[in-house]
């Protein structure tokens, strides 16, 4: 590893440009009277006022970039860093490690647990890595096994294959090793992020089901941005011993968070939503659009997007939502989601590469009273909650059934008639301490009236400003 003693700045200074509009504005603007309250205002299910919001930065990109800065020993030069609690936890933990603390508590941050396991294994000394009770239930055994294969002295201090971990860190030479991918791609990402600093790099064989591969490919793309030599050939990933170097980096907007706005657009009767941020994309054709929304943001012509290209796999939500009547228009800094008519028919979605989109798609299909079939759901029980059971329990409150077929796929049978709740008697959803579940269920207020959550604050894990941006959902 590199000199290691580059102290991380406080997150407040690292994220100096977080959520700033690309054109330099630092607050969203809205049209219509009544001031700015959110991206849109509803009346009887119809959009009556338009505005724009700034999407949050990707915590997946932010956390990977922070790890590369820590390994490379340089001060992060990042714009639009995520202000999520997960990123704050990671920054705090890296600072504590660099300060010599030997007990590192990563709370409920799964990314920090996986990434810091390898980080600590590379650093001289004895370490204890721990977290919340839920984190102690989530798996990390495949990563522990791979590190043992590289000569690391690492033990599970509690339940086998889970936190807390006792790690005796020392320099790692690298070389050839395999890692099981079925439970999480972050096991492989953790090893790859460290490998450029190892004398022999790594030849990593990916075994088992290749779930969440877009996240692994994101890791490799960001490593290349910071000067590493890394490539994947099928199930084998090669990383050369070529250290990271400092480069400016602009974190893209978070596509997982964007999915909740697609859900809101799908649940609208009609209308458009304007989203501002930093996007990677490919444009397929140019169309001239005339609408109050576009004119309000100074856009008379935007691109109609057939396919969005992004290092974040969840950008596929733009394609999936077309089947629910949501078209996407974009330029370099703007997404406009336009609701159109569509044919209601049973749909199928495969989540092995995009597991974080499951709550969104389950909720929107239930809200639109559409049958759906979901496959690739095997890893959902390992998330912040068991998301299959969580969504089954919560969607049953609006009459939807989520049934398992053969243990490998789910079938959603929606209610023929949705309930409606007044402000005085909201429908209470349980958060299950799961940020994605809460943000997926909240837009159902557009169909069923007032909703409430036992712990609405859990959205801070990935999207701290969700309730401010979507305050019209507070009935």
Protein backbone atom coordinates (compact mmCIF):
# COMPACT_ATOMS: atom_id res chain seq x y z
CA UNK A 1 0.00 0.00 0.00
CA UNK A 2 0.90 3.60 -0.48
CA UNK A 3 1.81 5.97 2.25
CA UNK A 4 -1.26 5.86 3.80
CA UNK A 5 -1.11 8.83 6.01
CA UNK A 6 -2.98 11.28 3.81
CA UNK A 7 -5.66 12.48 6.18
CA UNK A 8 -9.16 12.67 4.81
CA UNK A 9 -10.81 16.04 5.02
CA UNK A 10 -14.13 16.34 6.87
CA UNK A 11 -17.02 15.31 4.65
CA UNK A 12 -18.36 18.87 4.66
CA UNK A 13 -15.30 20.05 2.76
CA UNK A 14 -15.12 16.99 0.53
CA UNK A 15 -18.64 17.58 -0.66
CA UNK A 16 -18.37 21.29 -1.18
CA UNK A 17 -20.20 20.99 -4.49
CA UNK A 18 -22.66 18.29 -3.50
CA UNK A 19 -26.08 18.77 -5.08
CA UNK A 20 -25.02 21.97 -6.85
CA UNK A 21 -26.73 22.42 -10.17
CA UNK A 22 -24.33 21.95 -13.09
CA UNK A 23 -24.83 25.56 -14.16
CA UNK A 24 -23.76 26.86 -10.77
CA UNK A 25 -27.16 27.35 -9.13
CA UNK A 26 -27.39 25.85 -5.68
CA UNK A 27 -31.12 25.58 -5.12
CA UNK A 28 -33.99 24.19 -7.12
CA UNK A 29 -36.58 26.48 -8.66
CA UNK A 30 -40.28 25.91 -9.19
CA UNK A 31 -42.92 27.45 -11.40
CA UNK A 32 -46.40 28.57 -10.51
CA UNK A 33 -47.61 30.39 -7.44
CA UNK A 34 -47.08 29.29 -3.90
CA UNK A 35 -43.30 29.12 -4.01
CA UNK A 36 -41.06 26.12 -4.48
CA UNK A 37 -42.11 22.97 -2.68
CA UNK A 38 -41.08 20.04 -4.84
CA UNK A 39 -40.66 18.77 -8.37
CA UNK A 40 -44.42 18.78 -8.90
CA UNK A 41 -47.71 19.46 -7.18
CA UNK A 42 -50.70 17.16 -7.49
CA UNK A 43 -54.42 17.72 -7.48
CA UNK A 44 -56.72 14.74 -7.89
CA UNK A 45 -53.89 12.69 -9.33
CA UNK A 46 -52.97 15.26 -11.97
CA UNK A 47 -49.90 17.46 -12.11
CA UNK A 48 -50.87 21.09 -11.72
CA UNK A 49 -47.49 22.72 -11.20
CA UNK A 50 -44.07 21.85 -12.52
CA UNK A 51 -40.64 22.45 -11.13
CA UNK A 52 -37.26 20.83 -10.95
CA UNK A 53 -35.12 19.11 -8.37
CA UNK A 54 -31.47 18.19 -8.06
CA UNK A 55 -30.89 14.47 -7.86
CA UNK A 56 -28.55 13.11 -5.17
CA UNK A 57 -25.08 11.90 -6.09
CA UNK A 58 -24.37 8.20 -6.41
CA UNK A 59 -23.14 6.69 -3.16
CA UNK A 60 -21.84 3.70 -5.13
CA UNK A 61 -19.53 5.89 -7.21
CA UNK A 62 -18.65 8.08 -4.22
CA UNK A 63 -17.64 5.21 -1.98
CA UNK A 64 -15.51 3.53 -4.63
CA UNK A 65 -13.74 6.79 -5.44
CA UNK A 66 -13.07 7.41 -1.75
CA UNK A 67 -11.47 3.98 -1.41
CA UNK A 68 -9.18 4.69 -4.36
CA UNK A 69 -8.08 7.96 -2.77
CA UNK A 70 -7.39 6.12 0.48
CA UNK A 71 -5.36 3.42 -1.26
CA UNK A 72 -3.55 5.95 -3.44
CA UNK A 73 -2.70 8.20 -0.51
CA UNK A 74 -4.05 11.37 -2.10
CA UNK A 75 -6.58 13.92 -0.94
CA UNK A 76 -9.86 13.41 -2.81
CA UNK A 77 -10.53 16.00 -5.53
CA UNK A 78 -14.18 15.15 -6.06
CA UNK A 79 -17.22 17.15 -7.08
CA UNK A 80 -20.78 16.19 -6.22
CA UNK A 81 -19.78 13.66 -3.57
CA UNK A 82 -22.74 11.88 -2.00
CA UNK A 83 -24.01 13.28 1.28
CA UNK A 84 -25.65 9.97 2.18
CA UNK A 85 -25.12 8.46 5.62
CA UNK A 86 -23.34 5.51 3.97
CA UNK A 87 -20.70 7.84 2.50
CA UNK A 88 -20.40 9.75 5.78
CA UNK A 89 -19.81 6.48 7.62
CA UNK A 90 -17.10 5.45 5.16
CA UNK A 91 -15.29 8.80 5.38
CA UNK A 92 -15.43 8.68 9.18
CA UNK A 93 -14.14 5.10 9.26
CA UNK A 94 -11.20 5.83 6.93
CA UNK A 95 -10.27 8.84 9.05
CA UNK A 96 -10.39 6.71 12.21
CA UNK A 97 -8.22 4.03 10.62
CA UNK A 98 -5.67 6.63 9.55
CA UNK A 99 -5.73 8.04 13.09
CA UNK A 100 -4.82 4.65 14.54
CA UNK A 101 -8.17 3.55 15.99
CA UNK A 102 -8.21 -0.24 16.19
CA UNK A 103 -11.96 -0.81 16.57
CA UNK A 104 -13.92 0.34 13.53
CA UNK A 105 -17.72 0.44 13.70
CA UNK A 106 -19.34 0.82 10.27
CA UNK A 107 -22.90 0.86 11.71
CA UNK A 108 -25.30 -0.33 8.98
CA UNK A 109 -23.11 0.40 5.95
CA UNK A 110 -22.64 -2.80 3.97
CA UNK A 111 -20.35 -1.17 1.42
CA UNK A 112 -17.98 0.00 4.17
CA UNK A 113 -18.01 -3.45 5.75
CA UNK A 114 -16.90 -5.14 2.52
CA UNK A 115 -14.47 -2.48 1.27
CA UNK A 116 -12.78 -1.89 4.63
CA UNK A 117 -12.27 -5.59 5.29
CA UNK A 118 -9.63 -5.69 2.55
CA UNK A 119 -8.36 -2.21 3.40
CA UNK A 120 -7.63 -3.28 6.98
CA UNK A 121 -6.12 -6.57 5.82
CA UNK A 122 -3.48 -4.52 3.95
CA UNK A 123 -2.55 -2.36 6.93
CA UNK A 124 -0.13 -3.41 9.63
CA UNK A 125 -1.78 -4.03 12.97
CA UNK A 126 -4.65 -5.85 14.63
CA UNK A 127 -8.16 -4.60 13.87
CA UNK A 128 -11.73 -5.28 14.89
CA UNK A 129 -14.40 -4.45 12.31
CA UNK A 130 -17.97 -4.44 13.57
CA UNK A 131 -21.43 -2.98 12.88
CA UNK A 132 -25.12 -3.09 13.77
CA UNK A 133 -27.02 -6.27 14.63
CA UNK A 134 -28.40 -6.40 11.09
CA UNK A 135 -24.89 -6.06 9.66
CA UNK A 136 -23.85 -9.01 11.83
CA UNK A 137 -26.48 -11.06 9.99
CA UNK A 138 -25.38 -10.08 6.49
CA UNK A 139 -22.79 -12.31 4.79
CA UNK A 140 -19.11 -11.59 4.36
CA UNK A 141 -17.74 -15.13 4.43
CA UNK A 142 -16.88 -15.31 0.72
CA UNK A 143 -14.60 -12.28 1.06
CA UNK A 144 -13.00 -13.68 4.23
CA UNK A 145 -12.30 -16.95 2.40
CA UNK A 146 -10.71 -15.14 -0.55
CA UNK A 147 -8.48 -13.05 1.73
CA UNK A 148 -7.35 -16.20 3.53
CA UNK A 149 -6.35 -17.49 0.10
CA UNK A 150 -4.07 -14.46 -0.19
CA UNK A 151 -2.43 -15.22 3.16
CA UNK A 152 -4.43 -12.88 5.38
CA UNK A 153 -4.95 -13.76 9.05
CA UNK A 154 -8.66 -13.00 9.46
CA UNK A 155 -11.31 -14.55 11.70
CA UNK A 156 -15.01 -14.10 12.35
CA UNK A 157 -15.32 -13.09 16.00
CA UNK A 158 -19.00 -14.03 16.22
CA UNK A 159 -21.23 -15.91 13.80
CA UNK A 160 -19.31 -17.72 11.06
CA UNK A 161 -19.23 -15.74 7.83
CA UNK A 162 -20.37 -12.44 9.39
CA UNK A 163 -19.16 -9.42 11.33
CA UNK A 164 -17.45 -8.74 13.66
CA UNK A 165 -14.08 -9.58 12.11
CA UNK A 166 -10.67 -9.79 13.76
CA UNK A 167 -8.01 -8.89 11.21
CA UNK A 168 -4.23 -9.02 11.53
CA UNK A 169 -3.17 -6.70 8.77
CA UNK A 170 0.07 -6.96 6.82
CA UNK A 171 1.31 -6.22 3.28
CA UNK A 172 -0.39 -8.43 0.67
CA UNK A 173 1.51 -9.59 -2.39
CA UNK A 174 -1.55 -10.38 -4.51
CA UNK A 175 -1.65 -13.11 -7.13
CA UNK A 176 -4.32 -15.56 -8.23
CA UNK A 177 -7.45 -16.15 -6.15
CA UNK A 178 -11.17 -16.81 -6.58
CA UNK A 179 -14.21 -15.25 -4.95
CA UNK A 180 -17.83 -16.41 -4.76
CA UNK A 181 -20.18 -13.85 -6.32
CA UNK A 182 -23.62 -15.31 -5.58
CA UNK A 183 -24.31 -13.18 -2.50
CA UNK A 184 -22.66 -9.89 -3.43
CA UNK A 185 -20.46 -8.37 -6.14
CA UNK A 186 -18.92 -6.16 -3.43
CA UNK A 187 -16.71 -9.06 -2.33
CA UNK A 188 -14.97 -8.92 -5.71
CA UNK A 189 -14.95 -5.10 -5.79
CA UNK A 190 -13.28 -5.03 -2.38
CA UNK A 191 -10.37 -7.16 -3.61
CA UNK A 192 -10.07 -5.32 -6.92
CA UNK A 193 -9.95 -1.87 -5.32
CA UNK A 194 -6.87 -2.90 -3.33
CA UNK A 195 -5.10 -4.86 -6.09
CA UNK A 196 -3.30 -2.00 -7.91
CA UNK A 197 -1.27 -1.45 -4.73
CA UNK A 198 -0.13 -5.09 -4.50
CA UNK A 199 3.27 -6.12 -5.98
CA UNK A 200 1.68 -8.85 -8.10
CA UNK A 201 -1.71 -7.26 -8.70
CA UNK A 202 -4.47 -9.84 -8.92
CA UNK A 203 -5.94 -12.46 -11.21
CA UNK A 204 -9.43 -12.86 -9.78
CA UNK A 205 -11.69 -15.73 -10.79
CA UNK A 206 -15.40 -15.00 -10.30
CA UNK A 207 -17.33 -18.10 -9.23
CA UNK A 208 -21.01 -18.78 -8.62
CA UNK A 209 -23.88 -16.69 -9.97
CA UNK A 210 -22.68 -13.38 -11.37
CA UNK A 211 -25.19 -11.20 -9.56
CA UNK A 212 -25.02 -7.39 -9.63
CA UNK A 213 -22.31 -7.42 -12.32
CA UNK A 214 -22.96 -3.78 -13.36
CA UNK A 215 -21.57 -2.76 -9.95
CA UNK A 216 -18.39 -4.74 -10.55
CA UNK A 217 -17.98 -3.19 -13.99
CA UNK A 218 -18.52 0.23 -12.39
CA UNK A 219 -15.64 -0.54 -10.02
CA UNK A 220 -13.36 -1.40 -12.94
CA UNK A 221 -14.35 1.72 -14.90
CA UNK A 222 -13.59 3.99 -11.94
CA UNK A 223 -10.30 2.21 -11.27
CA UNK A 224 -9.27 2.93 -14.85
CA UNK A 225 -10.26 6.58 -14.41
CA UNK A 226 -7.81 6.84 -11.51
CA UNK A 227 -4.97 5.28 -13.47
CA UNK A 228 -5.24 1.59 -12.64
CA UNK A 229 -4.80 -1.06 -15.29
CA UNK A 230 -7.79 -3.38 -14.90
CA UNK A 231 -9.88 -5.45 -17.28
CA UNK A 232 -12.43 -8.24 -17.18
CA UNK A 233 -12.55 -11.19 -19.55
CA UNK A 234 -15.69 -13.14 -18.76
CA UNK A 235 -15.26 -14.58 -15.28
CA UNK A 236 -11.63 -13.53 -14.89
CA UNK A 237 -10.49 -10.06 -13.86
CA UNK A 238 -6.89 -8.91 -14.21
CA UNK A 239 -5.42 -5.97 -12.31
CA UNK A 240 -1.79 -4.96 -12.81
CA UNK A 241 0.43 -3.52 -10.04
CA UNK A 242 -0.02 0.06 -11.20
CA UNK A 243 -0.96 2.46 -8.35
CA UNK A 244 -3.75 5.02 -8.47
CA UNK A 245 -3.01 8.67 -9.08
CA UNK A 246 -5.04 11.72 -8.21
CA UNK A 247 -7.56 12.96 -10.77
CA UNK A 248 -10.55 15.25 -10.65
CA UNK A 249 -13.77 13.28 -10.55
CA UNK A 250 -17.39 14.35 -10.85
CA UNK A 251 -19.74 11.86 -9.23
CA UNK A 252 -22.76 11.04 -11.37
CA UNK A 253 -26.30 11.39 -10.11
CA UNK A 254 -27.73 8.31 -8.45
CA UNK A 255 -29.87 6.14 -10.71
CA UNK A 256 -31.28 4.09 -7.85
CA UNK A 257 -32.66 7.31 -6.36
CA UNK A 258 -33.85 8.42 -9.79
CA UNK A 259 -36.02 5.30 -9.95
CA UNK A 260 -38.41 6.74 -7.34
CA UNK A 261 -39.07 9.72 -9.61
CA UNK A 262 -39.77 7.35 -12.48
CA UNK A 263 -42.21 5.61 -10.18
CA UNK A 264 -43.93 8.93 -9.41
CA UNK A 265 -44.12 9.74 -13.11
CA UNK A 266 -45.66 6.33 -13.80
CA UNK A 267 -48.27 6.85 -11.06
CA UNK A 268 -49.27 10.26 -12.49
CA UNK A 269 -52.30 10.53 -14.73
CA UNK A 270 -50.23 12.78 -16.98
CA UNK A 271 -47.48 15.36 -16.75
CA UNK A 272 -43.72 15.77 -16.74
CA UNK A 273 -41.03 15.84 -14.07
CA UNK A 274 -37.74 17.73 -14.50
CA UNK A 275 -34.65 16.25 -12.85
CA UNK A 276 -31.28 17.99 -12.77
CA UNK A 277 -27.91 16.37 -12.24
CA UNK A 278 -24.84 14.80 -13.82
CA UNK A 279 -25.58 12.00 -16.25
CA UNK A 280 -23.66 9.71 -18.58
CA UNK A 281 -25.71 8.88 -21.61
CA UNK A 282 -25.96 8.23 -25.32
CA UNK A 283 -28.48 10.12 -27.43
CA UNK A 284 -30.26 8.30 -30.23
CA UNK A 285 -32.26 11.02 -31.91
CA UNK A 286 -33.14 14.68 -31.49
CA UNK A 287 -36.72 15.86 -31.29
CA UNK A 288 -38.20 19.31 -30.93
CA UNK A 289 -40.36 19.58 -27.86
CA UNK A 290 -42.70 22.35 -26.87
CA UNK A 291 -43.92 22.31 -23.31
CA UNK A 292 -44.12 24.68 -20.34
CA UNK A 293 -41.66 22.51 -18.43
CA UNK A 294 -38.95 22.61 -21.04
CA UNK A 295 -39.41 26.28 -21.76
CA UNK A 296 -39.17 26.96 -18.03
CA UNK A 297 -35.67 25.50 -17.88
CA UNK A 298 -34.60 27.13 -21.12
CA UNK A 299 -34.79 24.00 -23.24
CA UNK A 300 -36.64 24.11 -26.55
CA UNK A 301 -35.12 20.89 -27.83
CA UNK A 302 -33.90 17.91 -25.84
CA UNK A 303 -32.87 14.42 -26.77
CA UNK A 304 -35.40 11.61 -26.75
CA UNK A 305 -33.52 8.79 -25.09
CA UNK A 306 -33.89 5.27 -26.42
CA UNK A 307 -31.06 4.00 -24.23
CA UNK A 308 -29.15 5.57 -21.37
CA UNK A 309 -25.55 4.52 -20.91
CA UNK A 310 -24.16 4.82 -17.41
CA UNK A 311 -21.65 3.00 -15.22
CA UNK A 312 -24.64 2.49 -12.92
CA UNK A 313 -26.69 -0.53 -13.92
CA UNK A 314 -29.87 0.92 -12.45
CA UNK A 315 -30.06 3.31 -15.39
CA UNK A 316 -32.03 0.47 -16.98
CA UNK A 317 -35.03 1.87 -15.10
CA UNK A 318 -35.47 4.31 -18.00
CA UNK A 319 -36.07 1.38 -20.34
CA UNK A 320 -38.25 -0.55 -17.93
CA UNK A 321 -40.50 2.42 -17.21
CA UNK A 322 -41.27 2.87 -20.91
CA UNK A 323 -43.53 -0.17 -20.55
CA UNK A 324 -45.41 1.82 -17.87
CA UNK A 325 -45.84 4.88 -20.07
CA UNK A 326 -42.84 6.96 -18.94
CA UNK A 327 -40.62 8.37 -21.69
CA UNK A 328 -37.26 9.96 -20.97
CA UNK A 329 -35.86 13.09 -22.56
CA UNK A 330 -32.45 14.46 -21.77
CA UNK A 331 -29.58 16.77 -22.43
CA UNK A 332 -26.26 16.72 -20.57
CA UNK A 333 -27.69 18.03 -17.30
CA UNK A 334 -31.42 17.40 -17.43
CA UNK A 335 -33.82 14.49 -17.46
CA UNK A 336 -37.48 15.10 -18.28
CA UNK A 337 -39.83 12.23 -17.48
CA UNK A 338 -42.99 12.44 -19.58
CA UNK A 339 -46.04 10.30 -18.81
CA UNK A 340 -47.94 8.97 -21.82
CA UNK A 341 -50.71 6.43 -22.33
CA UNK A 342 -49.76 2.76 -22.31
CA UNK A 343 -51.31 -0.69 -22.51
CA UNK A 344 -51.80 -2.38 -19.17
CA UNK A 345 -50.61 -5.94 -19.48
CA UNK A 346 -48.66 -8.39 -17.32
CA UNK A 347 -44.93 -7.56 -17.24
CA UNK A 348 -41.74 -9.39 -16.28
CA UNK A 349 -38.58 -7.97 -14.72
CA UNK A 350 -35.25 -9.68 -13.95
CA UNK A 351 -33.36 -8.33 -10.94
CA UNK A 352 -30.15 -10.36 -10.69
CA UNK A 353 -28.20 -7.44 -12.18
CA UNK A 354 -30.37 -4.70 -10.66
CA UNK A 355 -31.55 -5.84 -7.19
CA UNK A 356 -32.04 -2.32 -5.80
CA UNK A 357 -34.83 -1.71 -8.32
CA UNK A 358 -37.03 -4.49 -6.93
CA UNK A 359 -38.89 -2.38 -4.32
CA UNK A 360 -39.54 0.34 -6.92
CA UNK A 361 -40.93 -2.02 -9.56
CA UNK A 362 -43.00 -4.02 -7.08
CA UNK A 363 -44.57 -0.87 -5.64
CA UNK A 364 -45.29 0.80 -8.97
CA UNK A 365 -46.92 -2.32 -10.43
CA UNK A 366 -49.06 -2.66 -7.30
CA UNK A 367 -49.99 1.03 -7.49
CA UNK A 368 -50.96 0.74 -11.16
CA UNK A 369 -52.85 -2.50 -10.41
CA UNK A 370 -50.78 -4.49 -12.87
CA UNK A 371 -49.77 -8.12 -12.68
CA UNK A 372 -46.03 -8.73 -12.82
CA UNK A 373 -43.50 -11.55 -12.61
CA UNK A 374 -40.13 -10.98 -10.92
CA UNK A 375 -37.06 -13.19 -11.32
CA UNK A 376 -33.45 -12.92 -10.13
CA UNK A 377 -34.54 -12.29 -6.55
CA UNK A 378 -32.23 -14.65 -4.65
CA UNK A 379 -30.05 -11.92 -3.07
CA UNK A 380 -32.93 -9.73 -1.87
CA UNK A 381 -33.10 -11.42 1.53
CA UNK A 382 -29.51 -10.25 2.20
CA UNK A 383 -30.18 -6.50 1.88
CA UNK A 384 -30.96 -3.99 4.64
CA UNK A 385 -34.09 -6.09 5.16
CA UNK A 386 -35.36 -9.29 3.57
CA UNK A 387 -36.91 -7.30 0.76
CA UNK A 388 -39.13 -10.09 -0.54
CA UNK A 389 -40.80 -10.55 2.85
CA UNK A 390 -40.78 -6.82 3.54
CA UNK A 391 -42.50 -5.89 0.29
CA UNK A 392 -44.94 -8.79 0.63
CA UNK A 393 -45.95 -7.56 4.07
CA UNK A 394 -46.25 -3.89 3.15
CA UNK A 395 -47.98 -4.29 -0.22
CA UNK A 396 -50.57 -6.55 1.40
CA UNK A 397 -51.78 -3.39 3.17
CA UNK A 398 -53.11 -2.15 -0.18
CA UNK A 399 -54.51 -5.55 -1.13
CA UNK A 400 -51.65 -6.77 -3.35
CA UNK A 401 -50.32 -10.32 -3.11
CA UNK A 402 -46.67 -11.22 -3.73
CA UNK A 403 -46.35 -14.97 -4.10
CA UNK A 404 -43.24 -17.10 -4.52
CA UNK A 405 -43.15 -19.75 -7.26
CA UNK A 406 -40.61 -22.52 -6.86
CA UNK A 407 -38.31 -20.37 -4.76
CA UNK A 408 -36.90 -18.62 -7.82
CA UNK A 409 -39.53 -16.14 -8.96
CA UNK A 410 -42.29 -13.97 -7.58
CA UNK A 411 -45.71 -13.17 -8.97
CA UNK A 412 -47.47 -9.93 -8.03
CA UNK A 413 -51.25 -10.04 -8.04
CA UNK A 414 -52.58 -6.50 -7.50
CA UNK A 415 -55.74 -5.49 -5.72
CA UNK A 416 -58.78 -4.94 -7.93
CA UNK A 417 -59.61 -1.84 -5.87
CA UNK A 418 -57.08 0.28 -4.00
CA UNK A 419 -57.91 1.70 -0.57
CA UNK A 420 -57.96 5.44 0.02
CA UNK A 421 -56.82 7.08 3.26
CA UNK A 422 -57.61 10.57 4.53
CA UNK A 423 -55.04 12.74 6.28
CA UNK A 424 -56.55 11.93 9.65
CA UNK A 425 -56.25 8.17 9.10
CA UNK A 426 -53.09 7.55 7.06
CA UNK A 427 -51.97 4.09 6.03
CA UNK A 428 -49.01 3.20 8.22
CA UNK A 429 -46.11 1.43 6.56
CA UNK A 430 -43.23 -0.11 8.49
CA UNK A 431 -39.80 1.00 7.33
CA UNK A 432 -38.01 -2.23 8.31
CA UNK A 433 -34.92 0.03 8.61
CA UNK A 434 -34.68 -0.12 4.81
CA UNK A 435 -34.25 3.12 2.91
CA UNK A 436 -35.23 1.67 -0.48
CA UNK A 437 -38.42 0.15 0.86
CA UNK A 438 -39.55 3.49 2.30
CA UNK A 439 -38.79 5.47 -0.87
CA UNK A 440 -40.52 2.86 -3.03
CA UNK A 441 -43.67 2.83 -0.90
CA UNK A 442 -43.96 6.61 -0.41
CA UNK A 443 -45.14 7.40 -3.99
CA UNK A 444 -48.17 5.16 -3.45
CA UNK A 445 -49.64 8.20 -1.67
CA UNK A 446 -50.41 9.45 -5.18
CA UNK A 447 -52.91 6.60 -5.53
CA UNK A 448 -54.08 5.77 -2.01
CA UNK A 449 -54.00 9.11 -0.20
CA UNK A 450 -52.24 9.71 3.10
CA UNK A 451 -49.42 7.40 4.14
CA UNK A 452 -47.05 7.43 7.10
CA UNK A 453 -43.89 5.58 8.19
CA UNK A 454 -42.60 4.54 11.58
CA UNK A 455 -39.05 5.65 10.69
CA UNK A 456 -39.10 7.98 7.68
CA UNK A 457 -35.55 9.14 8.49
CA UNK A 458 -34.01 5.92 7.14
CA UNK A 459 -33.96 7.49 3.66
CA UNK A 460 -30.80 9.30 4.79
CA UNK A 461 -28.81 6.16 4.06
CA UNK A 462 -28.82 7.03 0.34
CA UNK A 463 -31.07 10.07 -0.31
CA UNK A 464 -31.09 12.51 2.65
CA UNK A 465 -33.19 15.13 0.86
CA UNK A 466 -35.89 12.74 -0.34
CA UNK A 467 -38.66 14.10 1.90
CA UNK A 468 -37.72 17.68 1.07
CA UNK A 469 -37.69 16.99 -2.67
CA UNK A 470 -40.91 14.96 -2.55
CA UNK A 471 -42.70 16.89 0.15
CA UNK A 472 -45.94 16.82 -1.86
CA UNK A 473 -46.18 13.16 -0.74
CA UNK A 474 -46.73 14.37 2.83
CA UNK A 475 -50.51 14.33 2.79
